[in-house]
Full PDB file with SEQRES, HELIX, SHEET, SSBOND, CRYST1, ORIGX, SCALE, CONECT and MASTER records, all heavy atoms in Angstrom:
SEQRES   1 A   30  GLN GLY TYR LYS GLN VAL LYS ASP GLU LEU GLY TRP ALA          
SEQRES   2 A   30  ASP PHE GLN VAL ARG SER ASP LEU ALA ILE ARG ARG HIS          
SEQRES   3 A   30  GLN VAL LEU VAL                                              
HELIX    1 AA1 GLY A    2  GLU A    9  1                                   8    
HELIX    2 AA2 ALA A   13  VAL A   17  5                                   5    
HELIX    3 AA3 ASP A   20  LEU A   29  1                                  10    
CRYST1    1.000    1.000    1.000  90.00  90.00  90.00 P 1           1          
ORIGX1      1.000000  0.000000  0.000000        0.00000                         
ORIGX2      0.000000  1.000000  0.000000        0.00000                         
ORIGX3      0.000000  0.000000  1.000000        0.00000                         
SCALE1      1.000000  0.000000  0.000000        0.00000                         
SCALE2      0.000000  1.000000  0.000000        0.00000                         
SCALE3      0.000000  0.000000  1.000000        0.00000                         
ATOM      1  N   GLN A   1      20.110  91.131  23.679  1.00  0.00           N  
ATOM      2  CA  GLN A   1      19.705  92.163  24.610  1.00  0.00           C  
ATOM      3  C   GLN A   1      20.376  93.492  24.277  1.00  0.00           C  
ATOM      4  O   GLN A   1      19.723  94.525  24.170  1.00  0.00           O  
ATOM      5  CB  GLN A   1      20.058  91.753  26.043  1.00  0.00           C  
ATOM      6  CG  GLN A   1      19.700  92.818  27.070  1.00  0.00           C  
ATOM      7  CD  GLN A   1      20.116  92.430  28.476  1.00  0.00           C  
ATOM      8  OE1 GLN A   1      20.712  91.380  28.678  1.00  0.00           O  
ATOM      9  NE2 GLN A   1      19.804  93.258  29.452  1.00  0.00           N  
ATOM     10  N   GLY A   2      21.710  93.484  24.120  1.00  0.00           N  
ATOM     11  CA  GLY A   2      22.414  94.735  23.871  1.00  0.00           C  
ATOM     12  C   GLY A   2      22.063  95.361  22.536  1.00  0.00           C  
ATOM     13  O   GLY A   2      21.944  96.571  22.418  1.00  0.00           O  
ATOM     14  N   TYR A   3      21.878  94.532  21.497  1.00  0.00           N  
ATOM     15  CA  TYR A   3      21.580  95.070  20.176  1.00  0.00           C  
ATOM     16  C   TYR A   3      20.207  95.740  20.161  1.00  0.00           C  
ATOM     17  O   TYR A   3      20.018  96.787  19.549  1.00  0.00           O  
ATOM     18  CB  TYR A   3      21.659  93.949  19.149  1.00  0.00           C  
ATOM     19  CG  TYR A   3      21.544  94.407  17.718  1.00  0.00           C  
ATOM     20  CD1 TYR A   3      22.337  95.446  17.247  1.00  0.00           C  
ATOM     21  CD2 TYR A   3      20.675  93.800  16.830  1.00  0.00           C  
ATOM     22  CE1 TYR A   3      22.256  95.860  15.931  1.00  0.00           C  
ATOM     23  CE2 TYR A   3      20.580  94.202  15.515  1.00  0.00           C  
ATOM     24  CZ  TYR A   3      21.376  95.238  15.072  1.00  0.00           C  
ATOM     25  OH  TYR A   3      21.288  95.650  13.777  1.00  0.00           O  
ATOM     26  N   LYS A   4      19.236  95.148  20.857  1.00  0.00           N  
ATOM     27  CA  LYS A   4      17.923  95.773  20.931  1.00  0.00           C  
ATOM     28  C   LYS A   4      17.997  97.110  21.651  1.00  0.00           C  
ATOM     29  O   LYS A   4      17.296  98.059  21.290  1.00  0.00           O  
ATOM     30  CB  LYS A   4      16.944  94.838  21.649  1.00  0.00           C  
ATOM     31  CG  LYS A   4      16.450  93.687  20.799  1.00  0.00           C  
ATOM     32  CD  LYS A   4      15.419  92.860  21.545  1.00  0.00           C  
ATOM     33  CE  LYS A   4      14.859  91.761  20.634  1.00  0.00           C  
ATOM     34  NZ  LYS A   4      13.860  90.917  21.358  1.00  0.00           N  
ATOM     35  N   GLN A   5      18.832  97.212  22.670  1.00  0.00           N  
ATOM     36  CA  GLN A   5      18.978  98.477  23.377  1.00  0.00           C  
ATOM     37  C   GLN A   5      19.513  99.564  22.453  1.00  0.00           C  
ATOM     38  O   GLN A   5      19.042 100.705  22.471  1.00  0.00           O  
ATOM     39  CB  GLN A   5      19.903  98.299  24.578  1.00  0.00           C  
ATOM     40  CG  GLN A   5      19.287  97.496  25.709  1.00  0.00           C  
ATOM     41  CD  GLN A   5      20.269  97.245  26.823  1.00  0.00           C  
ATOM     42  OE1 GLN A   5      21.483  97.314  26.633  1.00  0.00           O  
ATOM     43  NE2 GLN A   5      19.750  96.944  28.002  1.00  0.00           N  
ATOM     44  N   VAL A   6      20.495  99.211  21.627  1.00  0.00           N  
ATOM     45  CA  VAL A   6      21.051 100.198  20.700  1.00  0.00           C  
ATOM     46  C   VAL A   6      19.998 100.636  19.691  1.00  0.00           C  
ATOM     47  O   VAL A   6      19.807 101.831  19.428  1.00  0.00           O  
ATOM     48  CB  VAL A   6      22.288  99.627  19.979  1.00  0.00           C  
ATOM     49  CG1 VAL A   6      22.738 100.559  18.869  1.00  0.00           C  
ATOM     50  CG2 VAL A   6      23.418  99.427  20.966  1.00  0.00           C  
ATOM     51  N   LYS A   7      19.288  99.678  19.110  1.00  0.00           N  
ATOM     52  CA  LYS A   7      18.288 100.014  18.102  1.00  0.00           C  
ATOM     53  C   LYS A   7      17.162 100.861  18.692  1.00  0.00           C  
ATOM     54  O   LYS A   7      16.714 101.834  18.082  1.00  0.00           O  
ATOM     55  CB  LYS A   7      17.722  98.744  17.477  1.00  0.00           C  
ATOM     56  CG  LYS A   7      18.728  97.957  16.666  1.00  0.00           C  
ATOM     57  CD  LYS A   7      18.055  96.915  15.804  1.00  0.00           C  
ATOM     58  CE  LYS A   7      17.378  95.865  16.630  1.00  0.00           C  
ATOM     59  NZ  LYS A   7      16.798  94.786  15.782  1.00  0.00           N  
ATOM     60  N   ASP A   8      16.694 100.502  19.888  1.00  0.00           N  
ATOM     61  CA  ASP A   8      15.603 101.255  20.498  1.00  0.00           C  
ATOM     62  C   ASP A   8      16.053 102.650  20.906  1.00  0.00           C  
ATOM     63  O   ASP A   8      15.326 103.623  20.734  1.00  0.00           O  
ATOM     64  CB  ASP A   8      15.062 100.504  21.713  1.00  0.00           C  
ATOM     65  CG  ASP A   8      14.370  99.206  21.335  1.00  0.00           C  
ATOM     66  OD1 ASP A   8      14.052  99.042  20.131  1.00  0.00           O  
ATOM     67  OD2 ASP A   8      14.176  98.360  22.225  1.00  0.00           O  
ATOM     68  N   GLU A   9      17.254 102.760  21.456  1.00  0.00           N  
ATOM     69  CA  GLU A   9      17.752 104.044  21.914  1.00  0.00           C  
ATOM     70  C   GLU A   9      17.962 105.009  20.754  1.00  0.00           C  
ATOM     71  O   GLU A   9      17.791 106.219  20.898  1.00  0.00           O  
ATOM     72  CB  GLU A   9      19.071 103.844  22.676  1.00  0.00           C  
ATOM     73  CG  GLU A   9      19.500 105.035  23.501  1.00  0.00           C  
ATOM     74  CD  GLU A   9      18.690 105.181  24.778  1.00  0.00           C  
ATOM     75  OE1 GLU A   9      18.017 104.205  25.157  1.00  0.00           O  
ATOM     76  OE2 GLU A   9      18.733 106.261  25.376  1.00  0.00           O  
ATOM     77  N   LEU A  10      18.314 104.499  19.601  1.00  0.00           N  
ATOM     78  CA  LEU A  10      18.580 105.353  18.443  1.00  0.00           C  
ATOM     79  C   LEU A  10      17.387 105.428  17.487  1.00  0.00           C  
ATOM     80  O   LEU A  10      17.519 105.875  16.361  1.00  0.00           O  
ATOM     81  CB  LEU A  10      19.809 104.838  17.686  1.00  0.00           C  
ATOM     82  CG  LEU A  10      21.128 104.958  18.460  1.00  0.00           C  
ATOM     83  CD1 LEU A  10      22.241 104.285  17.705  1.00  0.00           C  
ATOM     84  CD2 LEU A  10      21.467 106.414  18.711  1.00  0.00           C  
ATOM     85  N   GLY A  11      16.228 104.975  17.946  1.00  0.00           N  
ATOM     86  CA  GLY A  11      15.032 105.131  17.119  1.00  0.00           C  
ATOM     87  C   GLY A  11      14.959 104.186  15.940  1.00  0.00           C  
ATOM     88  O   GLY A  11      14.296 104.484  14.947  1.00  0.00           O  
ATOM     89  N   TRP A  12      15.633 103.018  16.029  1.00  0.00           N  
ATOM     90  CA  TRP A  12      15.618 102.099  14.894  1.00  0.00           C  
ATOM     91  C   TRP A  12      14.200 101.624  14.596  1.00  0.00           C  
ATOM     92  O   TRP A  12      13.794 101.513  13.441  1.00  0.00           O  
ATOM     93  CB  TRP A  12      16.529 100.920  15.179  1.00  0.00           C  
ATOM     94  CG  TRP A  12      16.493  99.834  14.150  1.00  0.00           C  
ATOM     95  CD1 TRP A  12      15.925  98.619  14.272  1.00  0.00           C  
ATOM     96  CD2 TRP A  12      17.036  99.878  12.830  1.00  0.00           C  
ATOM     97  NE1 TRP A  12      16.094  97.888  13.118  1.00  0.00           N  
ATOM     98  CE2 TRP A  12      16.766  98.638  12.220  1.00  0.00           C  
ATOM     99  CE3 TRP A  12      17.726 100.852  12.111  1.00  0.00           C  
ATOM    100  CZ2 TRP A  12      17.153  98.346  10.923  1.00  0.00           C  
ATOM    101  CZ3 TRP A  12      18.125 100.549  10.814  1.00  0.00           C  
ATOM    102  CH2 TRP A  12      17.838  99.323  10.228  1.00  0.00           C  
ATOM    103  N   ALA A  13      13.416 101.360  15.639  1.00  0.00           N  
ATOM    104  CA  ALA A  13      12.062 100.857  15.423  1.00  0.00           C  
ATOM    105  C   ALA A  13      11.210 101.871  14.667  1.00  0.00           C  
ATOM    106  O   ALA A  13      10.345 101.513  13.867  1.00  0.00           O  
ATOM    107  CB  ALA A  13      11.409 100.506  16.762  1.00  0.00           C  
ATOM    108  N   ASP A  14      11.449 103.169  14.906  1.00  0.00           N  
ATOM    109  CA  ASP A  14      10.674 104.200  14.217  1.00  0.00           C  
ATOM    110  C   ASP A  14      10.942 104.202  12.720  1.00  0.00           C  
ATOM    111  O   ASP A  14      10.104 104.650  11.942  1.00  0.00           O  
ATOM    112  CB  ASP A  14      11.006 105.582  14.797  1.00  0.00           C  
ATOM    113  CG  ASP A  14      10.648 105.684  16.263  1.00  0.00           C  
ATOM    114  OD1 ASP A  14       9.779 104.904  16.698  1.00  0.00           O  
ATOM    115  OD2 ASP A  14      11.232 106.520  16.971  1.00  0.00           O  
ATOM    116  N   PHE A  15      12.101 103.724  12.325  1.00  0.00           N  
ATOM    117  CA  PHE A  15      12.458 103.773  10.908  1.00  0.00           C  
ATOM    118  C   PHE A  15      11.942 102.565  10.137  1.00  0.00           C  
ATOM    119  O   PHE A  15      12.118 102.490   8.926  1.00  0.00           O  
ATOM    120  CB  PHE A  15      13.982 103.890  10.755  1.00  0.00           C  
ATOM    121  CG  PHE A  15      14.463 105.302  10.744  1.00  0.00           C  
ATOM    122  CD1 PHE A  15      14.499 106.039  11.912  1.00  0.00           C  
ATOM    123  CD2 PHE A  15      14.830 105.921   9.567  1.00  0.00           C  
ATOM    124  CE1 PHE A  15      14.931 107.349  11.910  1.00  0.00           C  
ATOM    125  CE2 PHE A  15      15.266 107.233   9.556  1.00  0.00           C  
ATOM    126  CZ  PHE A  15      15.312 107.958  10.728  1.00  0.00           C  
ATOM    127  N   GLN A  16      11.310 101.638  10.808  1.00  0.00           N  
ATOM    128  CA  GLN A  16      10.793 100.473  10.105  1.00  0.00           C  
ATOM    129  C   GLN A  16       9.655 100.832   9.163  1.00  0.00           C  
ATOM    130  O   GLN A  16       9.317 100.059   8.270  1.00  0.00           O  
ATOM    131  CB  GLN A  16      10.329  99.416  11.100  1.00  0.00           C  
ATOM    132  CG  GLN A  16      11.455  98.903  11.992  1.00  0.00           C  
ATOM    133  CD  GLN A  16      12.607  98.317  11.184  1.00  0.00           C  
ATOM    134  OE1 GLN A  16      12.436  97.372  10.443  1.00  0.00           O  
ATOM    135  NE2 GLN A  16      13.792  98.902  11.322  1.00  0.00           N  
ATOM    136  N   VAL A  17       9.035 101.999   9.371  1.00  0.00           N  
ATOM    137  CA  VAL A  17       7.934 102.418   8.504  1.00  0.00           C  
ATOM    138  C   VAL A  17       8.403 103.396   7.443  1.00  0.00           C  
ATOM    139  O   VAL A  17       7.577 103.927   6.689  1.00  0.00           O  
ATOM    140  CB  VAL A  17       6.795 103.044   9.336  1.00  0.00           C  
ATOM    141  CG1 VAL A  17       6.217 102.015  10.283  1.00  0.00           C  
ATOM    142  CG2 VAL A  17       7.293 104.254  10.124  1.00  0.00           C  
ATOM    143  N   ARG A  18       9.688 103.669   7.365  1.00  0.00           N  
ATOM    144  CA  ARG A  18      10.227 104.604   6.386  1.00  0.00           C  
ATOM    145  C   ARG A  18      10.605 103.874   5.096  1.00  0.00           C  
ATOM    146  O   ARG A  18      10.459 102.669   4.971  1.00  0.00           O  
ATOM    147  CB  ARG A  18      11.445 105.328   6.967  1.00  0.00           C  
ATOM    148  CG  ARG A  18      11.167 106.056   8.285  1.00  0.00           C  
ATOM    149  CD  ARG A  18      10.220 107.218   8.123  1.00  0.00           C  
ATOM    150  NE  ARG A  18       9.998 107.913   9.380  1.00  0.00           N  
ATOM    151  CZ  ARG A  18      10.738 108.918   9.825  1.00  0.00           C  
ATOM    152  NH1 ARG A  18      11.787 109.317   9.113  1.00  0.00           N  
ATOM    153  NH2 ARG A  18      10.467 109.501  10.963  1.00  0.00           N  
ATOM    154  N   SER A  19      11.130 104.630   4.163  1.00  0.00           N  
ATOM    155  CA  SER A  19      11.546 104.052   2.887  1.00  0.00           C  
ATOM    156  C   SER A  19      12.795 103.206   3.064  1.00  0.00           C  
ATOM    157  O   SER A  19      13.506 103.290   4.077  1.00  0.00           O  
ATOM    158  CB  SER A  19      11.834 105.175   1.890  1.00  0.00           C  
ATOM    159  OG  SER A  19      12.968 105.931   2.301  1.00  0.00           O  
ATOM    160  N   ASP A  20      13.081 102.380   2.047  1.00  0.00           N  
ATOM    161  CA  ASP A  20      14.289 101.555   2.097  1.00  0.00           C  
ATOM    162  C   ASP A  20      15.534 102.419   2.267  1.00  0.00           C  
ATOM    163  O   ASP A  20      16.448 102.085   3.022  1.00  0.00           O  
ATOM    164  CB  ASP A  20      14.406 100.710   0.824  1.00  0.00           C  
ATOM    165  CG  ASP A  20      13.466  99.523   0.842  1.00  0.00           C  
ATOM    166  OD1 ASP A  20      12.629  99.455   1.764  1.00  0.00           O  
ATOM    167  OD2 ASP A  20      13.553  98.673  -0.060  1.00  0.00           O  
ATOM    168  N   LEU A  21      15.572 103.540   1.549  1.00  0.00           N  
ATOM    169  CA  LEU A  21      16.745 104.408   1.612  1.00  0.00           C  
ATOM    170  C   LEU A  21      16.919 104.982   3.012  1.00  0.00           C  
ATOM    171  O   LEU A  21      18.036 105.030   3.542  1.00  0.00           O  
ATOM    172  CB  LEU A  21      16.621 105.546   0.593  1.00  0.00           C  
ATOM    173  CG  LEU A  21      17.788 106.534   0.540  1.00  0.00           C  
ATOM    174  CD1 LEU A  21      19.087 105.811   0.214  1.00  0.00           C  
ATOM    175  CD2 LEU A  21      17.514 107.637  -0.482  1.00  0.00           C  
ATOM    176  N   ALA A  22      15.816 105.386   3.645  1.00  0.00           N  
ATOM    177  CA  ALA A  22      15.904 105.944   4.998  1.00  0.00           C  
ATOM    178  C   ALA A  22      16.385 104.887   5.982  1.00  0.00           C  
ATOM    179  O   ALA A  22      17.176 105.173   6.885  1.00  0.00           O  
ATOM    180  CB  ALA A  22      14.547 106.499   5.429  1.00  0.00           C  
ATOM    181  N   ILE A  23      15.907 103.664   5.812  1.00  0.00           N  
ATOM    182  CA  ILE A  23      16.330 102.586   6.704  1.00  0.00           C  
ATOM    183  C   ILE A  23      17.818 102.311   6.534  1.00  0.00           C  
ATOM    184  O   ILE A  23      18.555 102.126   7.509  1.00  0.00           O  
ATOM    185  CB  ILE A  23      15.497 101.321   6.430  1.00  0.00           C  
ATOM    186  CG1 ILE A  23      14.042 101.548   6.848  1.00  0.00           C  
ATOM    187  CG2 ILE A  23      16.075 100.125   7.171  1.00  0.00           C  
ATOM    188  CD1 ILE A  23      13.127 100.395   6.520  1.00  0.00           C  
ATOM    189  N   ARG A  24      18.279 102.277   5.289  1.00  0.00           N  
ATOM    190  CA  ARG A  24      19.698 102.015   5.050  1.00  0.00           C  
ATOM    191  C   ARG A  24      20.570 103.126   5.627  1.00  0.00           C  
ATOM    192  O   ARG A  24      21.644 102.884   6.188  1.00  0.00           O  
ATOM    193  CB  ARG A  24      19.959 101.865   3.552  1.00  0.00           C  
ATOM    194  CG  ARG A  24      19.300 100.627   2.941  1.00  0.00           C  
ATOM    195  CD  ARG A  24      19.498 100.594   1.435  1.00  0.00           C  
ATOM    196  NE  ARG A  24      18.691  99.573   0.795  1.00  0.00           N  
ATOM    197  CZ  ARG A  24      19.084  98.321   0.599  1.00  0.00           C  
ATOM    198  NH1 ARG A  24      20.295  97.950   0.999  1.00  0.00           N  
ATOM    199  NH2 ARG A  24      18.302  97.443   0.004  1.00  0.00           N  
ATOM    200  N   ARG A  25      20.118 104.369   5.499  1.00  0.00           N  
ATOM    201  CA  ARG A  25      20.881 105.479   6.060  1.00  0.00           C  
ATOM    202  C   ARG A  25      20.926 105.396   7.576  1.00  0.00           C  
ATOM    203  O   ARG A  25      21.964 105.643   8.202  1.00  0.00           O  
ATOM    204  CB  ARG A  25      20.260 106.808   5.619  1.00  0.00           C  
ATOM    205  CG  ARG A  25      20.514 107.159   4.161  1.00  0.00           C  
ATOM    206  CD  ARG A  25      19.771 108.428   3.782  1.00  0.00           C  
ATOM    207  NE  ARG A  25      20.131 108.882   2.445  1.00  0.00           N  
ATOM    208  CZ  ARG A  25      19.525 109.882   1.809  1.00  0.00           C  
ATOM    209  NH1 ARG A  25      18.512 110.515   2.392  1.00  0.00           N  
ATOM    210  NH2 ARG A  25      19.909 110.244   0.596  1.00  0.00           N  
ATOM    211  N   HIS A  26      19.791 105.054   8.176  1.00  0.00           N  
ATOM    212  CA  HIS A  26      19.762 104.984   9.634  1.00  0.00           C  
ATOM    213  C   HIS A  26      20.617 103.834  10.144  1.00  0.00           C  
ATOM    214  O   HIS A  26      21.196 103.925  11.234  1.00  0.00           O  
ATOM    215  CB  HIS A  26      18.323 104.821  10.113  1.00  0.00           C  
ATOM    216  CG  HIS A  26      18.157 105.121  11.579  1.00  0.00           C  
ATOM    217  ND1 HIS A  26      18.304 106.390  12.093  1.00  0.00           N  
ATOM    218  CD2 HIS A  26      17.872 104.314  12.632  1.00  0.00           C  
ATOM    219  CE1 HIS A  26      18.108 106.366  13.396  1.00  0.00           C  
ATOM    220  NE2 HIS A  26      17.849 105.121  13.756  1.00  0.00           N  
ATOM    221  N   GLN A  27      20.721 102.757   9.385  1.00  0.00           N  
ATOM    222  CA  GLN A  27      21.574 101.647   9.800  1.00  0.00           C  
ATOM    223  C   GLN A  27      23.029 102.083   9.873  1.00  0.00           C  
ATOM    224  O   GLN A  27      23.790 101.585  10.709  1.00  0.00           O  
ATOM    225  CB  GLN A  27      21.420 100.469   8.840  1.00  0.00           C  
ATOM    226  CG  GLN A  27      22.337  99.300   9.139  1.00  0.00           C  
ATOM    227  CD  GLN A  27      22.068  98.655  10.486  1.00  0.00           C  
ATOM    228  OE1 GLN A  27      21.012  98.886  11.066  1.00  0.00           O  
ATOM    229  NE2 GLN A  27      23.008  97.866  10.979  1.00  0.00           N  
ATOM    230  N   VAL A  28      23.439 103.011   9.004  1.00  0.00           N  
ATOM    231  CA  VAL A  28      24.799 103.548   9.090  1.00  0.00           C  
ATOM    232  C   VAL A  28      24.998 104.229  10.447  1.00  0.00           C  
ATOM    233  O   VAL A  28      26.046 104.078  11.091  1.00  0.00           O  
ATOM    234  CB  VAL A  28      25.062 104.534   7.939  1.00  0.00           C  
ATOM    235  CG1 VAL A  28      26.421 105.198   8.104  1.00  0.00           C  
ATOM    236  CG2 VAL A  28      24.988 103.810   6.601  1.00  0.00           C  
ATOM    237  N   LEU A  29      23.976 104.965  10.902  1.00  0.00           N  
ATOM    238  CA  LEU A  29      24.056 105.603  12.210  1.00  0.00           C  
ATOM    239  C   LEU A  29      24.177 104.557  13.316  1.00  0.00           C  
ATOM    240  O   LEU A  29      24.988 104.698  14.242  1.00  0.00           O  
ATOM    241  CB  LEU A  29      22.806 106.464  12.437  1.00  0.00           C  
ATOM    242  CG  LEU A  29      22.603 107.012  13.850  1.00  0.00           C  
ATOM    243  CD1 LEU A  29      23.732 107.955  14.216  1.00  0.00           C  
ATOM    244  CD2 LEU A  29      21.258 107.719  13.960  1.00  0.00           C  
ATOM    245  N   VAL A  30      23.386 103.498  13.233  1.00  0.00           N  
ATOM    246  CA  VAL A  30      23.451 102.440  14.242  1.00  0.00           C  
ATOM    247  C   VAL A  30      24.842 101.815  14.264  1.00  0.00           C  
ATOM    248  O   VAL A  30      25.414 101.554  15.324  1.00  0.00           O  
ATOM    249  CB  VAL A  30      22.372 101.373  13.967  1.00  0.00           C  
ATOM    250  CG1 VAL A  30      22.543 100.181  14.895  1.00  0.00           C  
ATOM    251  CG2 VAL A  30      20.978 101.962  14.136  1.00  0.00           C  
TER     252      VAL A  30                                                      
MASTER        0    0    0    3    0    0    0    6  251    1    0    3          
END                                                                             
């Protein structure tokens, strides 16, 4: 529950359609 809240609040789902590099960079933010 808590992990999904963090990912959704920080736009993690939006980055699923980005490049591998963008996803890896955004994971650093998460």
